[in-house]
Amino acid sequence: MKLIRYVESKMQTRPDGRTVRKMINKELGVNFSNIQFLYVVHPERFMEKLHSHERSYEILYFLDKAKYKINGKDYDIDEKDMIILEPGDIHGAIFIENQVRILVVQVPAITEDKKIHE
């Protein structure tokens, strides 16, 4: 698991006026034939069961503040932060008052890859 804080990323200004932040460049070491992009909305006061993915990576980009439990540790996530979850990382959303919007990328997208942890 890796947490990438938006406020810690370096902003570059391009000659045409665009700004770019390189959040991370990471070699995953896997070959994949498919990728899945999800737009996820957790309703207010949502709590997710802890789970992991056995063979896929998940990249979560947060559009709102959130709270997550990952591998037994609680994290306060800020808007624009990103988390990279590796296969086997146990994670889930923790109760928070606000709605949470997340852009999720799964690599590779594997049906039936989710394992619930009680």
PDB file of N, CA and C in Angstrom:
ATOM      1  N   MET A   1       0.843  -1.176   0.000  1.00  0.00           N
ATOM      2  CA  MET A   1       0.000   0.000   0.000  1.00  0.00           C
ATOM      3  C   MET A   1       0.884   1.235   0.000  1.00  0.00           C
ATOM      4  N   LYS A   2       0.461   2.206  -0.780  1.00  0.00           N
ATOM      5  CA  LYS A   2       1.175   3.481  -0.802  1.00  0.00           C
ATOM      6  C   LYS A   2       0.146   4.595  -0.822  1.00  0.00           C
ATOM      7  N   LEU A   3       0.306   5.559   0.090  1.00  0.00           N
ATOM      8  CA  LEU A   3      -0.541   6.744   0.140  1.00  0.00           C
ATOM      9  C   LEU A   3       0.240   7.902  -0.458  1.00  0.00           C
ATOM     10  N   ILE A   4      -0.330   8.542  -1.471  1.00  0.00           N
ATOM     11  CA  ILE A   4       0.312   9.674  -2.127  1.00  0.00           C
ATOM     12  C   ILE A   4      -0.507  10.909  -1.786  1.00  0.00           C
ATOM     13  N   ARG A   5       0.096  11.827  -1.050  1.00  0.00           N
ATOM     14  CA  ARG A   5      -0.583  13.058  -0.636  1.00  0.00           C
ATOM     15  C   ARG A   5      -0.455  14.112  -1.742  1.00  0.00           C
ATOM     16  N   TYR A   6      -1.591  14.643  -2.151  1.00  0.00           N
ATOM     17  CA  TYR A   6      -1.623  15.670  -3.190  1.00  0.00           C
ATOM     18  C   TYR A   6      -0.741  16.856  -2.801  1.00  0.00           C
ATOM     19  N   VAL A   7      -0.853  17.304  -1.559  1.00  0.00           N
ATOM     20  CA  VAL A   7      -0.110  18.495  -1.124  1.00  0.00           C
ATOM     21  C   VAL A   7       1.396  18.276  -1.147  1.00  0.00           C
ATOM     22  N   GLU A   8       1.831  17.029  -1.182  1.00  0.00           N
ATOM     23  CA  GLU A   8       3.262  16.735  -1.216  1.00  0.00           C
ATOM     24  C   GLU A   8       3.798  16.534  -2.636  1.00  0.00           C
ATOM     25  N   SER A   9       2.898  16.519  -3.627  1.00  0.00           N
ATOM     26  CA  SER A   9       3.345  16.344  -5.011  1.00  0.00           C
ATOM     27  C   SER A   9       3.782  17.689  -5.581  1.00  0.00           C
ATOM     28  N   LYS A  10       4.769  17.634  -6.452  1.00  0.00           N
ATOM     29  CA  LYS A  10       5.338  18.847  -7.025  1.00  0.00           C
ATOM     30  C   LYS A  10       4.548  19.254  -8.266  1.00  0.00           C
ATOM     31  N   MET A  11       4.175  20.533  -8.312  1.00  0.00           N
ATOM     32  CA  MET A  11       3.422  21.034  -9.450  1.00  0.00           C
ATOM     33  C   MET A  11       4.388  21.629 -10.477  1.00  0.00           C
ATOM     34  N   GLN A  12       4.148  21.293 -11.734  1.00  0.00           N
ATOM     35  CA  GLN A  12       4.912  21.869 -12.846  1.00  0.00           C
ATOM     36  C   GLN A  12       3.966  22.743 -13.656  1.00  0.00           C
ATOM     37  N   THR A  13       4.460  23.879 -14.108  1.00  0.00           N
ATOM     38  CA  THR A  13       3.689  24.721 -15.009  1.00  0.00           C
ATOM     39  C   THR A  13       4.284  24.559 -16.397  1.00  0.00           C
ATOM     40  N   ARG A  14       3.452  24.182 -17.345  1.00  0.00           N
ATOM     41  CA  ARG A  14       3.879  23.974 -18.726  1.00  0.00           C
ATOM     42  C   ARG A  14       3.873  25.308 -19.474  1.00  0.00           C
ATOM     43  N   PRO A  15       4.642  25.391 -20.558  1.00  0.00           N
ATOM     44  CA  PRO A  15       4.709  26.640 -21.332  1.00  0.00           C
ATOM     45  C   PRO A  15       3.342  27.128 -21.831  1.00  0.00           C
ATOM     46  N   ASP A  16       2.400  26.211 -22.052  1.00  0.00           N
ATOM     47  CA  ASP A  16       1.084  26.616 -22.546  1.00  0.00           C
ATOM     48  C   ASP A  16       0.125  27.015 -21.423  1.00  0.00           C
ATOM     49  N   GLY A  17       0.616  27.035 -20.171  1.00  0.00           N
ATOM     50  CA  GLY A  17      -0.199  27.481 -19.046  1.00  0.00           C
ATOM     51  C   GLY A  17      -0.825  26.365 -18.224  1.00  0.00           C
ATOM     52  N   ARG A  18      -0.780  25.120 -18.721  1.00  0.00           N
ATOM     53  CA  ARG A  18      -1.327  24.000 -17.940  1.00  0.00           C
ATOM     54  C   ARG A  18      -0.449  23.745 -16.727  1.00  0.00           C
ATOM     55  N   THR A  19      -1.061  23.220 -15.675  1.00  0.00           N
ATOM     56  CA  THR A  19      -0.282  22.742 -14.540  1.00  0.00           C
ATOM     57  C   THR A  19      -0.441  21.234 -14.467  1.00  0.00           C
ATOM     58  N   VAL A  20       0.639  20.567 -14.107  1.00  0.00           N
ATOM     59  CA  VAL A  20       0.671  19.101 -14.045  1.00  0.00           C
ATOM     60  C   VAL A  20       1.324  18.693 -12.738  1.00  0.00           C
ATOM     61  N   ARG A  21       0.718  17.724 -12.073  1.00  0.00           N
ATOM     62  CA  ARG A  21       1.324  17.126 -10.885  1.00  0.00           C
ATOM     63  C   ARG A  21       1.544  15.655 -11.166  1.00  0.00           C
ATOM     64  N   LYS A  22       2.788  15.223 -11.119  1.00  0.00           N
ATOM     65  CA  LYS A  22       3.078  13.789 -11.257  1.00  0.00           C
ATOM     66  C   LYS A  22       2.901  13.192  -9.877  1.00  0.00           C
ATOM     67  N   MET A  23       1.819  12.441  -9.706  1.00  0.00           N
ATOM     68  CA  MET A  23       1.515  11.864  -8.407  1.00  0.00           C
ATOM     69  C   MET A  23       2.434  10.686  -8.118  1.00  0.00           C
ATOM     70  N   ILE A  24       2.645   9.824  -9.124  1.00  0.00           N
ATOM     71  CA  ILE A  24       3.527   8.669  -8.947  1.00  0.00           C
ATOM     72  C   ILE A  24       3.796   8.039 -10.304  1.00  0.00           C
ATOM     73  N   ASN A  25       4.954   7.451 -10.419  1.00  0.00           N
ATOM     74  CA  ASN A  25       5.309   6.622 -11.563  1.00  0.00           C
ATOM     75  C   ASN A  25       5.841   5.332 -10.961  1.00  0.00           C
ATOM     76  N   LYS A  26       5.077   4.253 -11.079  1.00  0.00           N
ATOM     77  CA  LYS A  26       5.418   3.011 -10.378  1.00  0.00           C
ATOM     78  C   LYS A  26       5.323   1.828 -11.322  1.00  0.00           C
ATOM     79  N   GLU A  27       6.346   1.017 -11.342  1.00  0.00           N
ATOM     80  CA  GLU A  27       6.331  -0.235 -12.092  1.00  0.00           C
ATOM     81  C   GLU A  27       5.578  -1.265 -11.269  1.00  0.00           C
ATOM     82  N   LEU A  28       4.512  -1.827 -11.840  1.00  0.00           N
ATOM     83  CA  LEU A  28       3.711  -2.803 -11.114  1.00  0.00           C
ATOM     84  C   LEU A  28       4.250  -4.219 -11.262  1.00  0.00           C
ATOM     85  N   GLY A  29       5.004  -4.472 -12.312  1.00  0.00           N
ATOM     86  CA  GLY A  29       5.579  -5.796 -12.491  1.00  0.00           C
ATOM     87  C   GLY A  29       4.577  -6.861 -12.882  1.00  0.00           C
ATOM     88  N   VAL A  30       3.470  -6.447 -13.506  1.00  0.00           N
ATOM     89  CA  VAL A  30       2.474  -7.412 -13.952  1.00  0.00           C
ATOM     90  C   VAL A  30       2.105  -7.135 -15.402  1.00  0.00           C
ATOM     91  N   ASN A  31       1.809  -8.198 -16.116  1.00  0.00           N
ATOM     92  CA  ASN A  31       1.256  -8.056 -17.453  1.00  0.00           C
ATOM     93  C   ASN A  31      -0.248  -8.179 -17.325  1.00  0.00           C
ATOM     94  N   PHE A  32      -0.975  -7.365 -18.056  1.00  0.00           N
ATOM     95  CA  PHE A  32      -2.424  -7.436 -17.964  1.00  0.00           C
ATOM     96  C   PHE A  32      -3.056  -7.202 -19.328  1.00  0.00           C
ATOM     97  N   SER A  33      -4.211  -7.815 -19.501  1.00  0.00           N
ATOM     98  CA  SER A  33      -4.913  -7.685 -20.768  1.00  0.00           C
ATOM     99  C   SER A  33      -6.112  -6.754 -20.663  1.00  0.00           C
ATOM    100  N   ASN A  34      -6.463  -6.343 -19.452  1.00  0.00           N
ATOM    101  CA  ASN A  34      -7.587  -5.425 -19.303  1.00  0.00           C
ATOM    102  C   ASN A  34      -7.385  -4.516 -18.106  1.00  0.00           C
ATOM    103  N   ILE A  35      -8.141  -3.437 -18.109  1.00  0.00           N
ATOM    104  CA  ILE A  35      -8.093  -2.435 -17.054  1.00  0.00           C
ATOM    105  C   ILE A  35      -9.522  -1.956 -16.841  1.00  0.00           C
ATOM    106  N   GLN A  36      -9.843  -1.580 -15.631  1.00  0.00           N
ATOM    107  CA  GLN A  36     -11.200  -1.134 -15.330  1.00  0.00           C
ATOM    108  C   GLN A  36     -11.146   0.216 -14.614  1.00  0.00           C
ATOM    109  N   PHE A  37     -11.936   1.182 -15.077  1.00  0.00           N
ATOM    110  CA  PHE A  37     -12.074   2.483 -14.436  1.00  0.00           C
ATOM    111  C   PHE A  37     -13.462   2.563 -13.817  1.00  0.00           C
ATOM    112  N   LEU A  38     -13.526   2.937 -12.554  1.00  0.00           N
ATOM    113  CA  LEU A  38     -14.806   3.036 -11.850  1.00  0.00           C
ATOM    114  C   LEU A  38     -14.950   4.427 -11.230  1.00  0.00           C
ATOM    115  N   TYR A  39     -16.145   4.960 -11.259  1.00  0.00           N
ATOM    116  CA  TYR A  39     -16.492   6.162 -10.510  1.00  0.00           C
ATOM    117  C   TYR A  39     -17.386   5.678  -9.377  1.00  0.00           C
ATOM    118  N   VAL A  40     -16.889   5.749  -8.143  1.00  0.00           N
ATOM    119  CA  VAL A  40     -17.567   5.175  -6.983  1.00  0.00           C
ATOM    120  C   VAL A  40     -18.055   6.302  -6.076  1.00  0.00           C
ATOM    121  N   VAL A  41     -19.289   6.177  -5.596  1.00  0.00           N
ATOM    122  CA  VAL A  41     -19.832   7.135  -4.636  1.00  0.00           C
ATOM    123  C   VAL A  41     -20.263   6.371  -3.388  1.00  0.00           C
ATOM    124  N   HIS A  42     -19.609   6.680  -2.268  1.00  0.00           N
ATOM    125  CA  HIS A  42     -20.023   6.142  -0.973  1.00  0.00           C
ATOM    126  C   HIS A  42     -21.009   7.139  -0.374  1.00  0.00           C
ATOM    127  N   PRO A  43     -22.198   6.697   0.024  1.00  0.00           N
ATOM    128  CA  PRO A  43     -23.155   7.623   0.633  1.00  0.00           C
ATOM    129  C   PRO A  43     -22.670   8.080   2.014  1.00  0.00           C
ATOM    130  N   GLU A  44     -23.295   9.128   2.520  1.00  0.00           N
ATOM    131  CA  GLU A  44     -22.975   9.597   3.876  1.00  0.00           C
ATOM    132  C   GLU A  44     -23.085   8.442   4.855  1.00  0.00           C
ATOM    133  N   ARG A  45     -22.195   8.411   5.840  1.00  0.00           N
ATOM    134  CA  ARG A  45     -22.199   7.412   6.922  1.00  0.00           C
ATOM    135  C   ARG A  45     -21.994   5.982   6.430  1.00  0.00           C
ATOM    136  N   PHE A  46     -21.362   5.825   5.309  1.00  0.00           N
ATOM    137  CA  PHE A  46     -21.120   4.502   4.730  1.00  0.00           C
ATOM    138  C   PHE A  46     -19.952   3.828   5.450  1.00  0.00           C
ATOM    139  N   MET A  47     -20.062   2.519   5.637  1.00  0.00           N
ATOM    140  CA  MET A  47     -18.966   1.730   6.191  1.00  0.00           C
ATOM    141  C   MET A  47     -18.848   0.471   5.338  1.00  0.00           C
ATOM    142  N   GLU A  48     -17.660   0.192   4.875  1.00  0.00           N
ATOM    143  CA  GLU A  48     -17.431  -0.911   3.947  1.00  0.00           C
ATOM    144  C   GLU A  48     -16.787  -2.082   4.671  1.00  0.00           C
ATOM    145  N   LYS A  49     -17.177  -3.293   4.291  1.00  0.00           N
ATOM    146  CA  LYS A  49     -16.534  -4.473   4.855  1.00  0.00           C
ATOM    147  C   LYS A  49     -15.079  -4.521   4.404  1.00  0.00           C
ATOM    148  N   LEU A  50     -14.227  -4.950   5.322  1.00  0.00           N
ATOM    149  CA  LEU A  50     -12.820  -5.099   4.959  1.00  0.00           C
ATOM    150  C   LEU A  50     -12.698  -6.202   3.918  1.00  0.00           C
ATOM    151  N   HIS A  51     -11.886  -5.943   2.915  1.00  0.00           N
ATOM    152  CA  HIS A  51     -11.705  -6.909   1.833  1.00  0.00           C
ATOM    153  C   HIS A  51     -10.333  -6.724   1.203  1.00  0.00           C
ATOM    154  N   SER A  52      -9.971  -7.654   0.372  1.00  0.00           N
ATOM    155  CA  SER A  52      -8.726  -7.555  -0.396  1.00  0.00           C
ATOM    156  C   SER A  52      -9.009  -8.072  -1.802  1.00  0.00           C
ATOM    157  N   HIS A  53      -8.064  -7.863  -2.672  1.00  0.00           N
ATOM    158  CA  HIS A  53      -8.124  -8.395  -4.028  1.00  0.00           C
ATOM    159  C   HIS A  53      -6.893  -9.282  -4.187  1.00  0.00           C
ATOM    160  N   GLU A  54      -7.114 -10.497  -4.583  1.00  0.00           N
ATOM    161  CA  GLU A  54      -6.046 -11.491  -4.587  1.00  0.00           C
ATOM    162  C   GLU A  54      -5.008 -11.274  -5.684  1.00  0.00           C
ATOM    163  N   ARG A  55      -5.444 -10.771  -6.842  1.00  0.00           N
ATOM    164  CA  ARG A  55      -4.513 -10.668  -7.963  1.00  0.00           C
ATOM    165  C   ARG A  55      -4.462  -9.296  -8.621  1.00  0.00           C
ATOM    166  N   SER A  56      -5.327  -8.380  -8.216  1.00  0.00           N
ATOM    167  CA  SER A  56      -5.353  -7.086  -8.903  1.00  0.00           C
ATOM    168  C   SER A  56      -4.905  -5.942  -7.997  1.00  0.00           C
ATOM    169  N   TYR A  57      -4.377  -4.917  -8.639  1.00  0.00           N
ATOM    170  CA  TYR A  57      -4.027  -3.662  -7.995  1.00  0.00           C
ATOM    171  C   TYR A  57      -5.231  -2.743  -8.087  1.00  0.00           C
ATOM    172  N   GLU A  58      -5.384  -1.868  -7.098  1.00  0.00           N
ATOM    173  CA  GLU A  58      -6.403  -0.825  -7.176  1.00  0.00           C
ATOM    174  C   GLU A  58      -5.726   0.514  -6.916  1.00  0.00           C
ATOM    175  N   ILE A  59      -6.055   1.474  -7.750  1.00  0.00           N
ATOM    176  CA  ILE A  59      -5.574   2.838  -7.574  1.00  0.00           C
ATOM    177  C   ILE A  59      -6.806   3.682  -7.283  1.00  0.00           C
ATOM    178  N   LEU A  60      -6.841   4.310  -6.105  1.00  0.00           N
ATOM    179  CA  LEU A  60      -7.984   5.103  -5.675  1.00  0.00           C
ATOM    180  C   LEU A  60      -7.590   6.570  -5.645  1.00  0.00           C
ATOM    181  N   TYR A  61      -8.314   7.402  -6.377  1.00  0.00           N
ATOM    182  CA  TYR A  61      -8.093   8.846  -6.377  1.00  0.00           C
ATOM    183  C   TYR A  61      -9.324   9.488  -5.751  1.00  0.00           C
ATOM    184  N   PHE A  62      -9.128  10.191  -4.640  1.00  0.00           N
ATOM    185  CA  PHE A  62     -10.230  10.705  -3.840  1.00  0.00           C
ATOM    186  C   PHE A  62     -10.629  12.121  -4.253  1.00  0.00           C
ATOM    187  N   LEU A  63     -11.914  12.295  -4.505  1.00  0.00           N
ATOM    188  CA  LEU A  63     -12.457  13.602  -4.833  1.00  0.00           C
ATOM    189  C   LEU A  63     -13.013  14.298  -3.590  1.00  0.00           C
ATOM    190  N   ASP A  64     -13.082  13.566  -2.483  1.00  0.00           N
ATOM    191  CA  ASP A  64     -13.580  14.101  -1.214  1.00  0.00           C
ATOM    192  C   ASP A  64     -12.733  13.541  -0.073  1.00  0.00           C
ATOM    193  N   LYS A  65     -12.858  14.173   1.094  1.00  0.00           N
ATOM    194  CA  LYS A  65     -12.198  13.637   2.287  1.00  0.00           C
ATOM    195  C   LYS A  65     -12.817  12.293   2.629  1.00  0.00           C
ATOM    196  N   ALA A  66     -11.983  11.386   3.163  1.00  0.00           N
ATOM    197  CA  ALA A  66     -12.455  10.048   3.489  1.00  0.00           C
ATOM    198  C   ALA A  66     -11.649   9.497   4.658  1.00  0.00           C
ATOM    199  N   LYS A  67     -12.092   8.359   5.150  1.00  0.00           N
ATOM    200  CA  LYS A  67     -11.351   7.593   6.159  1.00  0.00           C
ATOM    201  C   LYS A  67     -11.313   6.164   5.659  1.00  0.00           C
ATOM    202  N   TYR A  68     -10.134   5.559   5.723  1.00  0.00           N
ATOM    203  CA  TYR A  68      -9.952   4.185   5.258  1.00  0.00           C
ATOM    204  C   TYR A  68      -9.122   3.404   6.251  1.00  0.00           C
ATOM    205  N   LYS A  69      -9.436   2.130   6.388  1.00  0.00           N
ATOM    206  CA  LYS A  69      -8.601   1.205   7.156  1.00  0.00           C
ATOM    207  C   LYS A  69      -7.862   0.371   6.122  1.00  0.00           C
ATOM    208  N   ILE A  70      -6.536   0.338   6.250  1.00  0.00           N
ATOM    209  CA  ILE A  70      -5.710  -0.418   5.310  1.00  0.00           C
ATOM    210  C   ILE A  70      -4.671  -1.192   6.110  1.00  0.00           C
ATOM    211  N   ASN A  71      -4.708  -2.503   5.959  1.00  0.00           N
ATOM    212  CA  ASN A  71      -3.758  -3.379   6.661  1.00  0.00           C
ATOM    213  C   ASN A  71      -3.701  -3.077   8.156  1.00  0.00           C
ATOM    214  N   GLY A  72      -4.883  -2.859   8.757  1.00  0.00           N
ATOM    215  CA  GLY A  72      -4.978  -2.666  10.194  1.00  0.00           C
ATOM    216  C   GLY A  72      -4.737  -1.263  10.699  1.00  0.00           C
ATOM    217  N   LYS A  73      -4.448  -0.322   9.813  1.00  0.00           N
ATOM    218  CA  LYS A  73      -4.165   1.053  10.223  1.00  0.00           C
ATOM    219  C   LYS A  73      -5.221   1.990   9.639  1.00  0.00           C
ATOM    220  N   ASP A  74      -5.665   2.982  10.445  1.00  0.00           N
ATOM    221  CA  ASP A  74      -6.651   3.961   9.993  1.00  0.00           C
ATOM    222  C   ASP A  74      -5.948   5.154   9.348  1.00  0.00           C
ATOM    223  N   TYR A  75      -6.515   5.635   8.226  1.00  0.00           N
ATOM    224  CA  TYR A  75      -5.956   6.765   7.498  1.00  0.00           C
ATOM    225  C   TYR A  75      -7.032   7.820   7.263  1.00  0.00           C
ATOM    226  N   ASP A  76      -6.673   9.077   7.512  1.00  0.00           N
ATOM    227  CA  ASP A  76      -7.502  10.205   7.107  1.00  0.00           C
ATOM    228  C   ASP A  76      -7.021  10.604   5.721  1.00  0.00           C
ATOM    229  N   ILE A  77      -7.911  10.542   4.762  1.00  0.00           N
ATOM    230  CA  ILE A  77      -7.578  10.816   3.369  1.00  0.00           C
ATOM    231  C   ILE A  77      -8.119  12.187   3.007  1.00  0.00           C
ATOM    232  N   ASP A  78      -7.287  12.990   2.389  1.00  0.00           N
ATOM    233  CA  ASP A  78      -7.710  14.311   1.943  1.00  0.00           C
ATOM    234  C   ASP A  78      -8.153  14.271   0.490  1.00  0.00           C
ATOM    235  N   GLU A  79      -8.963  15.239   0.130  1.00  0.00           N
ATOM    236  CA  GLU A  79      -9.371  15.419  -1.262  1.00  0.00           C
ATOM    237  C   GLU A  79      -8.114  15.511  -2.131  1.00  0.00           C
ATOM    238  N   LYS A  80      -8.092  14.808  -3.236  1.00  0.00           N
ATOM    239  CA  LYS A  80      -7.008  14.756  -4.222  1.00  0.00           C
ATOM    240  C   LYS A  80      -5.871  13.821  -3.829  1.00  0.00           C
ATOM    241  N   ASP A  81      -5.975  13.130  -2.685  1.00  0.00           N
ATOM    242  CA  ASP A  81      -4.973  12.121  -2.329  1.00  0.00           C
ATOM    243  C   ASP A  81      -5.239  10.861  -3.147  1.00  0.00           C
ATOM    244  N   MET A  82      -4.225  10.020  -3.250  1.00  0.00           N
ATOM    245  CA  MET A  82      -4.335   8.792  -4.016  1.00  0.00           C
ATOM    246  C   MET A  82      -3.742   7.650  -3.196  1.00  0.00           C
ATOM    247  N   ILE A  83      -4.350   6.476  -3.311  1.00  0.00           N
ATOM    248  CA  ILE A  83      -3.837   5.280  -2.651  1.00  0.00           C
ATOM    249  C   ILE A  83      -3.631   4.214  -3.719  1.00  0.00           C
ATOM    250  N   ILE A  84      -2.503   3.526  -3.646  1.00  0.00           N
ATOM    251  CA  ILE A  84      -2.263   2.369  -4.499  1.00  0.00           C
ATOM    252  C   ILE A  84      -2.294   1.145  -3.606  1.00  0.00           C
ATOM    253  N   LEU A  85      -3.257   0.266  -3.874  1.00  0.00           N
ATOM    254  CA  LEU A  85      -3.400  -0.974  -3.115  1.00  0.00           C
ATOM    255  C   LEU A  85      -2.854  -2.126  -3.938  1.00  0.00           C
ATOM    256  N   GLU A  86      -2.000  -2.908  -3.326  1.00  0.00           N
ATOM    257  CA  GLU A  86      -1.418  -4.063  -3.992  1.00  0.00           C
ATOM    258  C   GLU A  86      -2.249  -5.298  -3.685  1.00  0.00           C
ATOM    259  N   PRO A  87      -2.123  -6.351  -4.486  1.00  0.00           N
ATOM    260  CA  PRO A  87      -2.854  -7.583  -4.188  1.00  0.00           C
ATOM    261  C   PRO A  87      -2.605  -8.012  -2.734  1.00  0.00           C
ATOM    262  N   GLY A  88      -3.685  -8.356  -2.042  1.00  0.00           N
ATOM    263  CA  GLY A  88      -3.569  -8.810  -0.655  1.00  0.00           C
ATOM    264  C   GLY A  88      -3.726  -7.720   0.387  1.00  0.00           C
ATOM    265  N   ASP A  89      -3.639  -6.438   0.014  1.00  0.00           N
ATOM    266  CA  ASP A  89      -3.846  -5.360   0.980  1.00  0.00           C
ATOM    267  C   ASP A  89      -5.303  -5.392   1.445  1.00  0.00           C
ATOM    268  N   ILE A  90      -5.502  -5.484   2.762  1.00  0.00           N
ATOM    269  CA  ILE A  90      -6.853  -5.532   3.329  1.00  0.00           C
ATOM    270  C   ILE A  90      -7.302  -4.104   3.598  1.00  0.00           C
ATOM    271  N   HIS A  91      -8.452  -3.739   3.023  1.00  0.00           N
ATOM    272  CA  HIS A  91      -8.883  -2.349   3.094  1.00  0.00           C
ATOM    273  C   HIS A  91     -10.407  -2.225   3.102  1.00  0.00           C
ATOM    274  N   GLY A  92     -10.860  -1.037   3.519  1.00  0.00           N
ATOM    275  CA  GLY A  92     -12.282  -0.730   3.503  1.00  0.00           C
ATOM    276  C   GLY A  92     -12.527   0.664   4.039  1.00  0.00           C
ATOM    277  N   ALA A  93     -13.627   1.262   3.592  1.00  0.00           N
ATOM    278  CA  ALA A  93     -14.000   2.605   4.028  1.00  0.00           C
ATOM    279  C   ALA A  93     -14.470   2.569   5.478  1.00  0.00           C
ATOM    280  N   ILE A  94     -14.069   3.569   6.240  1.00  0.00           N
ATOM    281  CA  ILE A  94     -14.493   3.749   7.622  1.00  0.00           C
ATOM    282  C   ILE A  94     -15.601   4.801   7.639  1.00  0.00           C
ATOM    283  N   PHE A  95     -16.536   4.658   8.568  1.00  0.00           N
ATOM    284  CA  PHE A  95     -17.647   5.593   8.740  1.00  0.00           C
ATOM    285  C   PHE A  95     -17.163   7.037   8.696  1.00  0.00           C
ATOM    286  N   ILE A  96     -17.831   7.848   7.879  1.00  0.00           N
ATOM    287  CA  ILE A  96     -17.571   9.288   7.813  1.00  0.00           C
ATOM    288  C   ILE A  96     -18.897   9.963   7.483  1.00  0.00           C
ATOM    289  N   GLU A  97     -19.099  11.157   7.988  1.00  0.00           N
ATOM    290  CA  GLU A  97     -20.382  11.850   7.822  1.00  0.00           C
ATOM    291  C   GLU A  97     -20.685  12.206   6.372  1.00  0.00           C
ATOM    292  N   ASN A  98     -19.665  12.544   5.594  1.00  0.00           N
ATOM    293  CA  ASN A  98     -19.902  13.047   4.243  1.00  0.00           C
ATOM    294  C   ASN A  98     -19.900  11.951   3.181  1.00  0.00           C
ATOM    295  N   GLN A  99     -20.494  12.287   2.057  1.00  0.00           N
ATOM    296  CA  GLN A  99     -20.416  11.438   0.859  1.00  0.00           C
ATOM    297  C   GLN A  99     -18.974  11.455   0.368  1.00  0.00           C
ATOM    298  N   VAL A 100     -18.511  10.327  -0.192  1.00  0.00           N
ATOM    299  CA  VAL A 100     -17.143  10.234  -0.694  1.00  0.00           C
ATOM    300  C   VAL A 100     -17.175   9.745  -2.141  1.00  0.00           C
ATOM    301  N   ARG A 101     -16.573  10.541  -3.033  1.00  0.00           N
ATOM    302  CA  ARG A 101     -16.462  10.163  -4.443  1.00  0.00           C
ATOM    303  C   ARG A 101     -15.019   9.744  -4.720  1.00  0.00           C
ATOM    304  N   ILE A 102     -14.890   8.613  -5.411  1.00  0.00           N
ATOM    305  CA  ILE A 102     -13.560   8.044  -5.674  1.00  0.00           C
ATOM    306  C   ILE A 102     -13.490   7.583  -7.122  1.00  0.00           C
ATOM    307  N   LEU A 103     -12.391   7.907  -7.780  1.00  0.00           N
ATOM    308  CA  LEU A 103     -12.087   7.322  -9.082  1.00  0.00           C
ATOM    309  C   LEU A 103     -11.193   6.125  -8.808  1.00  0.00           C
ATOM    310  N   VAL A 104     -11.600   4.951  -9.283  1.00  0.00           N
ATOM    311  CA  VAL A 104     -10.874   3.715  -9.004  1.00  0.00           C
ATOM    312  C   VAL A 104     -10.424   3.092 -10.319  1.00  0.00           C
ATOM    313  N   VAL A 105      -9.158   2.695 -10.357  1.00  0.00           N
ATOM    314  CA  VAL A 105      -8.613   1.964 -11.500  1.00  0.00           C
ATOM    315  C   VAL A 105      -8.197   0.594 -10.982  1.00  0.00           C
ATOM    316  N   GLN A 106      -8.694  -0.465 -11.621  1.00  0.00           N
ATOM    317  CA  GLN A 106      -8.299  -1.834 -11.265  1.00  0.00           C
ATOM    318  C   GLN A 106      -7.470  -2.416 -12.404  1.00  0.00           C
ATOM    319  N   VAL A 107      -6.303  -2.934 -12.032  1.00  0.00           N
ATOM    320  CA  VAL A 107      -5.374  -3.503 -13.012  1.00  0.00           C
ATOM    321  C   VAL A 107      -4.850  -4.834 -12.499  1.00  0.00           C
ATOM    322  N   PRO A 108      -5.064  -5.937 -13.148  1.00  0.00           N
ATOM    323  CA  PRO A 108      -6.070  -6.129 -14.192  1.00  0.00           C
ATOM    324  C   PRO A 108      -7.448  -6.244 -13.553  1.00  0.00           C
ATOM    325  N   ALA A 109      -8.478  -6.053 -14.365  1.00  0.00           N
ATOM    326  CA  ALA A 109      -9.855  -6.206 -13.891  1.00  0.00           C
ATOM    327  C   ALA A 109     -10.185  -7.692 -13.893  1.00  0.00           C
ATOM    328  N   ILE A 110     -10.361  -8.259 -12.702  1.00  0.00           N
ATOM    329  CA  ILE A 110     -10.611  -9.701 -12.579  1.00  0.00           C
ATOM    330  C   ILE A 110     -11.930  -9.910 -11.844  1.00  0.00           C
ATOM    331  N   THR A 111     -12.867 -10.581 -12.489  1.00  0.00           N
ATOM    332  CA  THR A 111     -14.131 -10.920 -11.847  1.00  0.00           C
ATOM    333  C   THR A 111     -13.867 -11.936 -10.736  1.00  0.00           C
ATOM    334  N   GLU A 112     -14.566 -11.798  -9.633  1.00  0.00           N
ATOM    335  CA  GLU A 112     -14.437 -12.726  -8.497  1.00  0.00           C
ATOM    336  C   GLU A 112     -13.047 -12.679  -7.841  1.00  0.00           C
ATOM    337  N   ASP A 113     -12.425 -11.507  -7.821  1.00  0.00           N
ATOM    338  CA  ASP A 113     -11.092 -11.357  -7.217  1.00  0.00           C
ATOM    339  C   ASP A 113     -11.174 -10.833  -5.787  1.00  0.00           C
ATOM    340  N   LYS A 114     -12.374 -10.477  -5.334  1.00  0.00           N
ATOM    341  CA  LYS A 114     -12.559  -9.857  -4.025  1.00  0.00           C
ATOM    342  C   LYS A 114     -12.720 -10.918  -2.942  1.00  0.00           C
ATOM    343  N   LYS A 115     -11.992 -10.737  -1.834  1.00  0.00           N
ATOM    344  CA  LYS A 115     -12.085 -11.642  -0.691  1.00  0.00           C
ATOM    345  C   LYS A 115     -12.482 -10.810   0.531  1.00  0.00           C
ATOM    346  N   ILE A 116     -13.607 -11.161   1.166  1.00  0.00           N
ATOM    347  CA  ILE A 116     -14.104 -10.452   2.352  1.00  0.00           C
ATOM    348  C   ILE A 116     -13.367 -10.965   3.587  1.00  0.00           C
ATOM    349  N   HIS A 117     -12.986 -10.020   4.471  1.00  0.00           N
ATOM    350  CA  HIS A 117     -12.320 -10.353   5.736  1.00  0.00           C
ATOM    351  C   HIS A 117     -13.232  -9.930   6.876  1.00  0.00           C
ATOM    352  N   GLU A 118     -13.578 -10.852   7.733  1.00  0.00           N
ATOM    353  CA  GLU A 118     -14.477 -10.552   8.866  1.00  0.00           C
ATOM    354  C   GLU A 118     -13.693 -10.124  10.064  1.00  0.00           C
TER     355      GLU A 118
END
